Amino acid sequence: MSQYRRPQQPSPRTIMIRRLIALGVVALVIWGVVAGIAALFGFVGRIINPNGASCSPTQLKVDAHVGTSTAADKSQFTGSQVPYFWFTVQNISTTDCTFNLGSTVTFSTVTSNSGTGPQTYWKSSDCTGVTRSDYNIKVPAGQVLASPPSAWDQVRSPNPNGCAAGSGSVKVPAGGATYQLTFSVNNIVSENQAPFTLN
């Protein structure tokens, strides 16, 4: 008559090790599924918006500049010298993002504290008959982007006939008058007021 041996039960330590291994395998499977889903959403997001999410106001720093047609800063203008305006946008965050730098949302303002006190002489948003467009662009983290310099004819706004010197616009005072330039870019106002003088 044969004898049957009862199977030996695994020790509690062995059972604990097996459970830990099983839990580790389950955790790896869950991590793989989550990573796969995140990668899929990231891939789809890059297709829909290859330049990243829209910039928030806290990510960007806008500065106003006055100078020459070659984007060299200059603050004194005499005689027929023409001031040029432009702005720079810096992504001060660590994340790339997209931002609209187009003329539909970009406006310059010239004010002066000379004479009778603070006065606004020029607002590009007053200019009518101007073709405006959006320009959504990637702003890399830490990078600075600059707009092309634009000439200012030293005239007041608004004027129903346009915003150029030849349209009947009134010239602003010169003879040592000091002015300040600010920019608003997609509702972000420049941190500085670029000063300049018309002699």
Protein backbone atom coordinates (compact mmCIF):
# COMPACT_ATOMS: atom_id res chain seq x y z
CA MET A 1 0.00 0.00 0.00
CA SER A 2 1.52 3.21 -1.18
CA GLN A 3 1.85 6.15 1.08
CA TYR A 4 0.86 9.67 0.02
CA ARG A 5 2.85 12.62 1.30
CA ARG A 6 0.99 15.75 2.07
CA PRO A 7 2.31 18.70 -0.02
CA GLN A 8 4.51 20.97 2.06
CA GLN A 9 2.94 24.39 2.58
CA PRO A 10 5.17 27.36 1.62
CA SER A 11 6.52 29.32 4.50
CA PRO A 12 5.04 32.75 5.37
CA ARG A 13 8.26 34.35 4.14
CA THR A 14 7.91 32.69 0.73
CA ILE A 15 4.26 33.76 0.50
CA MET A 16 5.23 37.35 1.29
CA ILE A 17 7.96 37.35 -1.38
CA ARG A 18 5.54 35.98 -3.98
CA ARG A 19 2.98 38.64 -3.12
CA LEU A 20 5.57 41.41 -3.39
CA ILE A 21 6.67 40.10 -6.79
CA ALA A 22 3.04 39.97 -7.96
CA LEU A 23 2.42 43.51 -6.75
CA GLY A 24 5.56 44.69 -8.54
CA VAL A 25 4.40 43.12 -11.79
CA VAL A 26 0.96 44.73 -11.46
CA ALA A 27 2.55 48.12 -10.72
CA LEU A 28 4.76 47.83 -13.82
CA VAL A 29 1.76 46.96 -15.98
CA ILE A 30 -0.23 49.94 -14.63
CA TRP A 31 2.75 52.27 -15.14
CA GLY A 32 3.13 51.04 -18.72
CA VAL A 33 -0.54 51.67 -19.46
CA VAL A 34 -0.44 55.18 -17.95
CA ALA A 35 2.78 56.05 -19.79
CA GLY A 36 1.32 54.78 -23.04
CA ILE A 37 -1.83 56.89 -22.63
CA ALA A 38 0.24 59.98 -21.75
CA ALA A 39 2.46 59.43 -24.78
CA LEU A 40 -0.61 59.06 -26.99
CA PHE A 41 -2.15 62.29 -25.71
CA GLY A 42 1.19 64.06 -26.11
CA PHE A 43 1.49 62.84 -29.69
CA VAL A 44 -2.04 63.96 -30.52
CA GLY A 45 -1.40 67.32 -28.80
CA ARG A 46 1.73 67.89 -30.87
CA ILE A 47 -0.26 67.21 -34.04
CA ILE A 48 -3.04 69.61 -33.04
CA ASN A 49 -0.72 72.26 -31.56
CA PRO A 50 2.89 71.56 -32.57
CA ASN A 51 4.20 74.69 -30.84
CA GLY A 52 2.92 73.84 -27.38
CA ALA A 53 0.29 75.38 -25.13
CA SER A 54 -0.65 79.04 -25.25
CA CYS A 55 1.59 81.35 -23.23
CA SER A 56 0.22 82.73 -19.99
CA PRO A 57 0.96 86.35 -19.03
CA THR A 58 3.27 85.15 -16.24
CA GLN A 59 5.50 83.36 -18.78
CA LEU A 60 6.34 86.43 -20.85
CA LYS A 61 8.11 89.75 -20.43
CA VAL A 62 7.46 92.56 -22.94
CA ASP A 63 9.79 95.54 -23.42
CA ALA A 64 9.31 98.64 -25.59
CA HIS A 65 12.19 100.02 -27.68
CA VAL A 66 12.85 103.28 -29.52
CA GLY A 67 15.70 103.67 -31.97
CA THR A 68 16.78 103.36 -35.58
CA SER A 69 15.58 101.35 -38.57
CA THR A 70 18.27 98.76 -37.79
CA ALA A 71 16.88 98.17 -34.28
CA ALA A 72 19.65 100.07 -32.52
CA ASP A 73 18.42 101.79 -29.36
CA LYS A 74 18.42 105.58 -29.60
CA SER A 75 16.78 108.23 -27.40
CA GLN A 76 17.67 111.57 -29.05
CA PHE A 77 16.22 112.63 -32.42
CA THR A 78 16.96 115.88 -34.21
CA GLY A 79 15.71 117.48 -37.40
CA SER A 80 14.55 114.89 -39.94
CA GLN A 81 15.63 111.86 -37.91
CA VAL A 82 12.77 109.38 -37.64
CA PRO A 83 12.12 107.37 -34.46
CA TYR A 84 11.44 103.67 -34.96
CA PHE A 85 9.38 101.62 -32.52
CA TRP A 86 9.58 97.89 -31.81
CA PHE A 87 9.06 95.48 -28.95
CA THR A 88 10.74 92.38 -27.59
CA VAL A 89 9.04 89.40 -25.97
CA GLN A 90 10.99 87.09 -23.68
CA ASN A 91 9.78 83.72 -22.44
CA ILE A 92 10.98 83.86 -18.83
CA SER A 93 9.63 80.37 -18.06
CA THR A 94 11.16 76.95 -18.67
CA THR A 95 8.42 75.81 -21.03
CA ASP A 96 7.91 76.53 -24.74
CA CYS A 97 4.56 78.10 -25.60
CA THR A 98 2.72 79.85 -28.42
CA PHE A 99 1.69 83.48 -28.48
CA ASN A 100 -0.09 85.81 -30.87
CA LEU A 101 2.30 88.63 -31.84
CA GLY A 102 0.18 89.85 -34.74
CA SER A 103 -0.93 93.39 -35.46
CA THR A 104 -4.48 92.59 -34.35
CA VAL A 105 -3.28 92.50 -30.73
CA THR A 106 -0.13 94.66 -30.82
CA PHE A 107 -0.41 98.39 -30.11
CA SER A 108 1.98 101.21 -29.26
CA THR A 109 1.26 104.33 -27.20
CA VAL A 110 3.26 107.54 -26.93
CA THR A 111 2.71 109.80 -23.94
CA SER A 112 4.47 112.89 -22.59
CA ASN A 113 4.76 114.58 -19.24
CA SER A 114 6.11 117.79 -20.81
CA GLY A 115 4.15 121.02 -20.71
CA THR A 116 0.73 120.82 -19.09
CA GLY A 117 1.17 117.34 -17.62
CA PRO A 118 0.60 113.73 -18.73
CA GLN A 119 -0.91 113.54 -22.19
CA THR A 120 -1.36 110.80 -24.77
CA TYR A 121 -0.19 111.89 -28.22
CA TRP A 122 -0.25 108.65 -30.17
CA LYS A 123 -2.08 105.34 -30.02
CA SER A 124 -1.64 102.95 -32.94
CA SER A 125 -5.02 101.45 -32.06
CA ASP A 126 -6.56 104.77 -33.21
CA CYS A 127 -5.31 104.24 -36.76
CA THR A 128 -8.07 103.22 -39.16
CA GLY A 129 -7.78 101.66 -42.58
CA VAL A 130 -4.87 99.45 -41.45
CA THR A 131 -4.80 95.79 -42.46
CA ARG A 132 -4.23 93.76 -39.35
CA SER A 133 -3.53 90.05 -38.94
CA ASP A 134 -2.74 87.41 -36.32
CA TYR A 135 0.71 85.87 -36.03
CA ASN A 136 0.83 82.89 -33.70
CA ILE A 137 4.41 81.86 -33.09
CA LYS A 138 6.35 79.52 -30.83
CA VAL A 139 8.24 81.34 -28.08
CA PRO A 140 10.98 78.97 -26.87
CA ALA A 141 11.78 78.90 -23.16
CA GLY A 142 14.33 81.56 -22.25
CA GLN A 143 14.37 83.08 -25.74
CA VAL A 144 13.77 86.70 -26.81
CA LEU A 145 11.82 87.56 -29.96
CA ALA A 146 11.82 91.04 -31.50
CA SER A 147 9.30 92.67 -33.82
CA PRO A 148 10.48 94.56 -36.92
CA PRO A 149 11.13 98.29 -36.27
CA SER A 150 8.31 100.53 -37.47
CA ALA A 151 8.74 104.23 -38.31
CA TRP A 152 6.74 106.85 -36.43
CA ASP A 153 6.00 110.06 -38.31
CA GLN A 154 5.82 112.10 -35.08
CA VAL A 155 2.14 112.84 -35.54
CA ARG A 156 -0.86 112.85 -33.26
CA SER A 157 -3.67 110.33 -33.36
CA PRO A 158 -6.47 109.82 -34.12
CA ASN A 159 -6.93 111.25 -37.55
CA PRO A 160 -9.80 110.14 -39.81
CA ASN A 161 -7.52 110.48 -42.84
CA GLY A 162 -4.87 108.10 -41.53
CA CYS A 163 -1.87 108.07 -39.27
CA ALA A 164 0.92 109.22 -41.59
CA ALA A 165 2.48 112.67 -41.87
CA GLY A 166 1.05 113.20 -45.35
CA SER A 167 -2.55 112.58 -44.32
CA GLY A 168 -3.10 115.89 -42.61
CA SER A 169 -2.10 114.66 -39.15
CA VAL A 170 -0.81 117.26 -36.71
CA LYS A 171 2.85 117.01 -35.73
CA VAL A 172 3.65 116.52 -32.05
CA PRO A 173 5.75 119.16 -30.29
CA ALA A 174 9.53 118.94 -30.71
CA GLY A 175 12.20 121.38 -29.51
CA GLY A 176 13.34 119.21 -26.64
CA ALA A 177 9.97 117.61 -25.82
CA THR A 178 10.34 114.26 -24.04
CA TYR A 179 8.11 111.25 -24.65
CA GLN A 180 7.59 107.72 -23.39
CA LEU A 181 6.74 104.67 -25.49
CA THR A 182 4.81 101.66 -24.23
CA PHE A 183 3.58 98.55 -26.00
CA SER A 184 0.64 96.29 -25.35
CA VAL A 185 1.16 92.85 -26.87
CA ASN A 186 -1.84 90.55 -26.63
CA ASN A 187 -2.92 92.37 -23.45
CA ILE A 188 0.54 92.22 -21.87
CA VAL A 189 1.80 95.76 -21.26
CA SER A 190 5.52 96.43 -21.55
CA GLU A 191 7.29 96.57 -18.21
CA ASN A 192 9.22 99.67 -19.24
CA GLN A 193 8.40 103.09 -20.67
CA ALA A 194 11.08 103.73 -23.30
CA PRO A 195 12.01 107.46 -23.08
CA PHE A 196 13.03 109.58 -26.05
CA THR A 197 13.41 113.24 -26.95
CA LEU A 198 12.51 115.17 -30.10
CA ASN A 199 14.85 118.14 -30.60
